[in-house]
């Protein structure tokens, strides 16, 4: 659910509210935790909150956080009659606050999933490339994080055989060293669903199949109708395995090349997993 909010004109909060036709019993099956996933946009302001039967709890996360965050809410802390839940609301407090939030996967758990926080995580806006060559270029889109993304238009043609000599964006970054995965926020209109990826000097597990060129061929992801997150996986693996990059401590360069014309890239996240 996108929540577009603008607390102006005397308004001090904005919220989306669900009133249940029949009261729900949230004590069944030893339920203990309400879990909500949310994602913000850069520049968001205000305090995210949830209300159950009018009892409000503030989110410890930042409304401007651009990654999907898991928020666990201890139901016992709300102090309401959980055997008769009639309303659930998600909102943002703050006079003058504004922005866009995305709310998803609102669930009840007996035992909530563990919140895993990477020990090292680098967020890179795609348009912040250190170098970028035509026909790859920057475009505007208010639904992209930061309002911009990179890609090619349909007239650029495909480069599906091998990585091209042009249309490459590079990103210089520094890590502590270890094993890393890459997540990307992408859009693939008209089934134009592929890019090339490479980190020179990185090693991958022996069982990971790369393209004969030595690049990762990220390909054949279904069109989900808008911006979505995906791992960088190898289409040359039989099971489209996620690619793990082992990097020495220090400076490295991520290279992303065009493959099918029209694919769009918004955000890159490099996360240490070991």
Protein backbone atom coordinates (compact mmCIF):
# COMPACT_ATOMS: atom_id res chain seq x y z
CA UNK A 1 0.00 0.00 0.00
CA UNK A 2 1.52 3.33 -0.96
CA UNK A 3 0.77 5.99 1.67
CA UNK A 4 1.17 9.48 0.21
CA UNK A 5 1.05 11.98 3.06
CA UNK A 6 1.22 15.75 3.45
CA UNK A 7 0.40 17.08 6.91
CA UNK A 8 -0.44 20.63 5.89
CA UNK A 9 -3.36 23.01 6.27
CA UNK A 10 -3.56 22.38 10.00
CA UNK A 11 -3.31 18.57 9.74
CA UNK A 12 -0.87 17.01 12.22
CA UNK A 13 -1.09 13.41 11.01
CA UNK A 14 -2.07 11.24 8.05
CA UNK A 15 -3.16 7.60 8.28
CA UNK A 16 -4.71 4.67 6.52
CA UNK A 17 -7.24 2.85 8.69
CA UNK A 18 -8.95 -0.54 8.44
CA UNK A 19 -12.17 -1.18 10.37
CA UNK A 20 -12.96 -4.89 10.56
CA UNK A 21 -16.56 -5.86 9.79
CA UNK A 22 -16.35 -8.42 12.59
CA UNK A 23 -14.06 -8.01 15.59
CA UNK A 24 -10.94 -10.16 15.36
CA UNK A 25 -9.46 -12.28 18.14
CA UNK A 26 -5.69 -11.73 18.13
CA UNK A 27 -5.06 -14.08 21.06
CA UNK A 28 -5.75 -17.28 19.10
CA UNK A 29 -2.93 -19.75 18.36
CA UNK A 30 -0.68 -18.09 20.98
CA UNK A 31 -0.09 -15.04 18.76
CA UNK A 32 2.35 -12.57 20.35
CA UNK A 33 3.60 -10.21 17.63
CA UNK A 34 2.25 -7.96 14.90
CA UNK A 35 4.81 -7.61 12.07
CA UNK A 36 4.69 -4.86 9.46
CA UNK A 37 7.12 -4.33 6.57
CA UNK A 38 7.64 -0.77 5.34
CA UNK A 39 9.87 1.20 2.99
CA UNK A 40 10.36 4.96 2.81
CA UNK A 41 11.65 7.48 0.32
CA UNK A 42 14.59 9.83 0.66
CA UNK A 43 13.37 13.13 2.05
CA UNK A 44 10.44 11.65 3.99
CA UNK A 45 9.72 13.40 7.28
CA UNK A 46 7.50 12.59 10.24
CA UNK A 47 7.06 9.74 12.73
CA UNK A 48 5.60 6.44 11.51
CA UNK A 49 3.13 4.79 13.91
CA UNK A 50 0.58 2.00 14.23
CA UNK A 51 -2.68 2.06 16.18
CA UNK A 52 -4.63 -1.01 17.29
CA UNK A 53 -8.06 -0.16 18.75
CA UNK A 54 -6.76 3.38 19.11
CA UNK A 55 -3.64 2.45 21.10
CA UNK A 56 -0.63 4.01 19.35
CA UNK A 57 2.94 2.75 19.14
CA UNK A 58 5.72 4.67 17.38
CA UNK A 59 8.06 2.94 14.96
CA UNK A 60 11.75 2.95 15.97
CA UNK A 61 12.73 3.13 12.29
CA UNK A 62 13.22 6.16 10.06
CA UNK A 63 10.43 7.11 7.62
CA UNK A 64 13.16 8.16 5.16
CA UNK A 65 14.83 4.71 5.18
CA UNK A 66 14.82 3.48 1.59
CA UNK A 67 15.20 -0.24 2.36
CA UNK A 68 12.40 -2.59 3.32
CA UNK A 69 12.34 -2.82 7.13
CA UNK A 70 10.69 -5.41 9.34
CA UNK A 71 8.93 -3.83 12.33
CA UNK A 72 7.97 -6.20 15.17
CA UNK A 73 5.29 -4.94 17.59
CA UNK A 74 4.75 -6.72 20.93
CA UNK A 75 0.97 -7.01 21.16
CA UNK A 76 0.98 -7.27 24.95
CA UNK A 77 2.56 -3.81 25.14
CA UNK A 78 -0.50 -2.18 23.54
CA UNK A 79 -2.73 -2.61 26.59
CA UNK A 80 -5.91 -3.22 24.55
CA UNK A 81 -8.45 -6.03 24.40
CA UNK A 82 -6.79 -8.32 21.86
CA UNK A 83 -9.81 -10.65 21.89
CA UNK A 84 -11.83 -7.92 20.16
CA UNK A 85 -9.71 -5.99 17.65
CA UNK A 86 -11.88 -3.71 15.56
CA UNK A 87 -9.44 -1.20 14.00
CA UNK A 88 -5.88 -1.17 12.68
CA UNK A 89 -4.29 2.06 11.42
CA UNK A 90 -0.89 2.97 9.99
CA UNK A 91 0.02 6.64 9.92
CA UNK A 92 2.60 9.40 10.14
CA UNK A 93 2.67 12.08 12.85
CA UNK A 94 4.13 15.56 12.52
CA UNK A 95 2.81 18.97 11.48
CA UNK A 96 4.27 19.78 8.06
CA UNK A 97 5.56 16.22 7.53
CA UNK A 98 5.32 14.82 4.03
CA UNK A 99 6.47 12.04 1.75
CA UNK A 100 5.61 8.55 0.53
CA UNK A 101 5.70 5.28 2.47
CA UNK A 102 5.09 1.73 1.21
CA UNK A 103 3.39 -0.72 3.60
CA UNK A 104 3.33 -4.47 2.98
CA UNK A 105 3.00 -7.89 4.65
CA UNK A 106 0.98 -7.06 7.78
CA UNK A 107 0.93 -10.34 9.69
CA UNK A 108 0.39 -11.89 13.11
CA UNK A 109 2.96 -14.36 14.48
CA UNK A 110 3.28 -16.70 17.40
CA UNK A 111 7.03 -16.47 16.87
CA UNK A 112 8.09 -13.55 14.67
CA UNK A 113 10.92 -13.96 12.12
CA UNK A 114 14.31 -12.84 13.34
CA UNK A 115 15.34 -9.37 12.20
CA UNK A 116 18.66 -9.80 10.40
CA UNK A 117 20.83 -6.70 10.05
CA UNK A 118 23.86 -6.97 7.72
CA UNK A 119 27.18 -6.21 9.41
CA UNK A 120 28.12 -3.98 6.46
CA UNK A 121 25.80 -2.46 3.89
CA UNK A 122 26.43 0.08 1.12
CA UNK A 123 23.51 1.91 -0.50
CA UNK A 124 24.20 3.47 -3.89
CA UNK A 125 21.80 5.52 -5.99
CA UNK A 126 22.19 4.23 -9.56
CA UNK A 127 22.40 7.76 -10.97
CA UNK A 128 25.39 8.45 -8.69
CA UNK A 129 27.70 6.43 -10.96
CA UNK A 130 31.37 7.44 -11.04
CA UNK A 131 31.26 6.99 -14.80
CA UNK A 132 28.42 6.27 -17.21
CA UNK A 133 28.62 5.93 -21.00
CA UNK A 134 25.92 6.24 -23.65
CA UNK A 135 23.47 4.82 -24.44
CA UNK A 136 23.08 4.29 -20.68
CA UNK A 137 21.85 7.55 -19.17
CA UNK A 138 19.90 9.11 -16.29
CA UNK A 139 16.12 9.57 -16.33
CA UNK A 140 13.61 11.26 -13.99
CA UNK A 141 10.81 9.39 -12.22
CA UNK A 142 9.06 10.54 -9.01
CA UNK A 143 8.52 6.88 -8.04
CA UNK A 144 12.26 6.15 -8.13
CA UNK A 145 14.15 6.59 -4.88
CA UNK A 146 15.78 10.00 -5.12
CA UNK A 147 13.59 10.76 -8.16
CA UNK A 148 16.05 9.40 -10.76
CA UNK A 149 17.23 6.12 -12.29
CA UNK A 150 19.50 4.89 -15.07
CA UNK A 151 18.90 2.71 -18.10
CA UNK A 152 18.48 2.79 -21.85
CA UNK A 153 15.51 3.55 -24.05
CA UNK A 154 14.06 1.04 -26.49
CA UNK A 155 15.97 2.53 -29.42
CA UNK A 156 19.35 1.55 -27.95
CA UNK A 157 19.12 -2.03 -29.14
CA UNK A 158 20.11 -5.17 -27.23
CA UNK A 159 23.56 -6.48 -26.32
CA UNK A 160 22.70 -10.04 -25.36
CA UNK A 161 25.72 -11.90 -26.74
CA UNK A 162 28.48 -10.34 -24.65
CA UNK A 163 28.84 -7.23 -22.48
CA UNK A 164 29.03 -4.18 -24.76
CA UNK A 165 31.95 -1.75 -25.08
CA UNK A 166 29.51 1.06 -24.29
CA UNK A 167 26.52 1.66 -22.03
CA UNK A 168 28.40 0.85 -18.81
CA UNK A 169 28.00 2.48 -15.38
CA UNK A 170 30.79 2.10 -12.81
CA UNK A 171 30.71 2.52 -9.03
CA UNK A 172 33.80 2.78 -6.85
CA UNK A 173 33.37 1.50 -3.30
CA UNK A 174 35.40 0.33 -0.32
CA UNK A 175 34.67 -2.66 1.92
CA UNK A 176 36.11 -4.32 5.00
CA UNK A 177 36.43 -7.58 3.09
CA UNK A 178 34.49 -10.85 3.10
CA UNK A 179 31.54 -12.31 1.21
CA UNK A 180 28.95 -9.95 -0.25
CA UNK A 181 25.65 -10.09 -2.13
CA UNK A 182 24.09 -7.39 -4.31
CA UNK A 183 20.46 -6.31 -4.26
CA UNK A 184 18.97 -4.03 -6.91
CA UNK A 185 15.77 -2.02 -7.29
CA UNK A 186 14.72 -2.38 -10.92
CA UNK A 187 11.90 -1.97 -13.40
CA UNK A 188 11.64 -4.09 -16.55
CA UNK A 189 8.87 -2.81 -18.83
CA UNK A 190 8.06 -4.76 -21.98
CA UNK A 191 9.98 -7.83 -20.73
CA UNK A 192 13.33 -6.02 -21.18
CA UNK A 193 14.67 -7.82 -18.17
CA UNK A 194 18.44 -7.98 -18.08
CA UNK A 195 21.75 -6.31 -17.20
CA UNK A 196 25.38 -7.42 -17.01
CA UNK A 197 27.26 -7.20 -13.65
CA UNK A 198 30.94 -7.54 -12.77
CA UNK A 199 33.35 -6.71 -9.93
CA UNK A 200 36.91 -7.13 -11.30
CA UNK A 201 39.09 -8.99 -8.82
CA UNK A 202 36.16 -10.60 -6.98
CA UNK A 203 35.90 -14.35 -6.66
CA UNK A 204 32.71 -16.41 -6.65
CA UNK A 205 32.01 -19.92 -5.30
CA UNK A 206 33.29 -22.74 -7.50
CA UNK A 207 29.73 -23.97 -8.11
CA UNK A 208 28.58 -20.57 -9.38
CA UNK A 209 28.25 -20.55 -13.16
CA UNK A 210 29.05 -17.23 -14.81
CA UNK A 211 28.68 -16.24 -18.44
CA UNK A 212 31.60 -17.23 -20.69
CA UNK A 213 32.57 -13.54 -20.74
CA UNK A 214 33.22 -13.63 -16.98
CA UNK A 215 30.28 -11.30 -16.30
CA UNK A 216 27.11 -12.12 -14.36
CA UNK A 217 24.14 -12.35 -16.72
CA UNK A 218 21.13 -11.10 -14.70
CA UNK A 219 18.21 -12.14 -16.87
CA UNK A 220 14.69 -13.59 -17.08
CA UNK A 221 13.11 -11.87 -14.09
CA UNK A 222 9.33 -11.55 -14.45
CA UNK A 223 7.87 -8.09 -15.05
CA UNK A 224 6.18 -7.19 -11.77
CA UNK A 225 4.56 -4.07 -13.17
CA UNK A 226 6.66 -1.42 -11.46
CA UNK A 227 9.75 -0.93 -9.30
CA UNK A 228 10.75 -4.01 -7.30
CA UNK A 229 13.77 -5.51 -5.50
CA UNK A 230 15.80 -8.45 -6.78
CA UNK A 231 19.04 -10.20 -5.91
CA UNK A 232 21.77 -10.24 -8.52
CA UNK A 233 21.66 -13.88 -9.65
CA UNK A 234 23.29 -15.76 -12.52
CA UNK A 235 20.98 -16.85 -15.32
CA UNK A 236 23.78 -19.19 -16.39
CA UNK A 237 23.21 -21.26 -13.24
CA UNK A 238 20.62 -24.00 -13.60
CA UNK A 239 18.74 -22.70 -10.54
CA UNK A 240 19.42 -18.98 -11.11
CA UNK A 241 21.60 -18.96 -8.00
CA UNK A 242 22.24 -15.69 -6.21
CA UNK A 243 25.83 -14.64 -6.83
CA UNK A 244 28.12 -14.22 -3.81
CA UNK A 245 31.21 -12.07 -4.30
CA UNK A 246 34.29 -12.57 -2.14
CA UNK A 247 36.17 -9.27 -1.89
CA UNK A 248 39.52 -8.41 -0.37
CA UNK A 249 39.58 -5.45 2.05
CA UNK A 250 39.90 -2.13 0.27
CA UNK A 251 38.72 -0.42 -2.90
CA UNK A 252 36.73 -2.13 -5.67
CA UNK A 253 34.64 -1.17 -8.71
CA UNK A 254 31.22 -2.49 -9.61
CA UNK A 255 30.46 -2.44 -13.35
CA UNK A 256 26.90 -2.61 -14.67
CA UNK A 257 26.38 -2.86 -18.42
CA UNK A 258 23.27 -2.63 -20.57
CA UNK A 259 21.91 -5.87 -22.01
CA UNK A 260 18.30 -5.56 -23.12
CA UNK A 261 17.15 -2.10 -24.14
CA UNK A 262 14.61 -0.49 -21.85
CA UNK A 263 15.65 -2.08 -18.52
CA UNK A 264 15.78 0.43 -15.64
CA UNK A 265 17.96 0.49 -12.50
CA UNK A 266 17.23 2.64 -9.44
CA UNK A 267 19.26 1.53 -6.39
CA UNK A 268 22.15 -0.86 -5.65
CA UNK A 269 22.75 -2.39 -2.21
CA UNK A 270 26.00 -4.23 -1.46
CA UNK A 271 25.64 -6.27 1.76
CA UNK A 272 28.18 -8.31 3.68
CA UNK A 273 26.85 -11.74 4.65
CA UNK A 274 30.03 -13.41 5.95
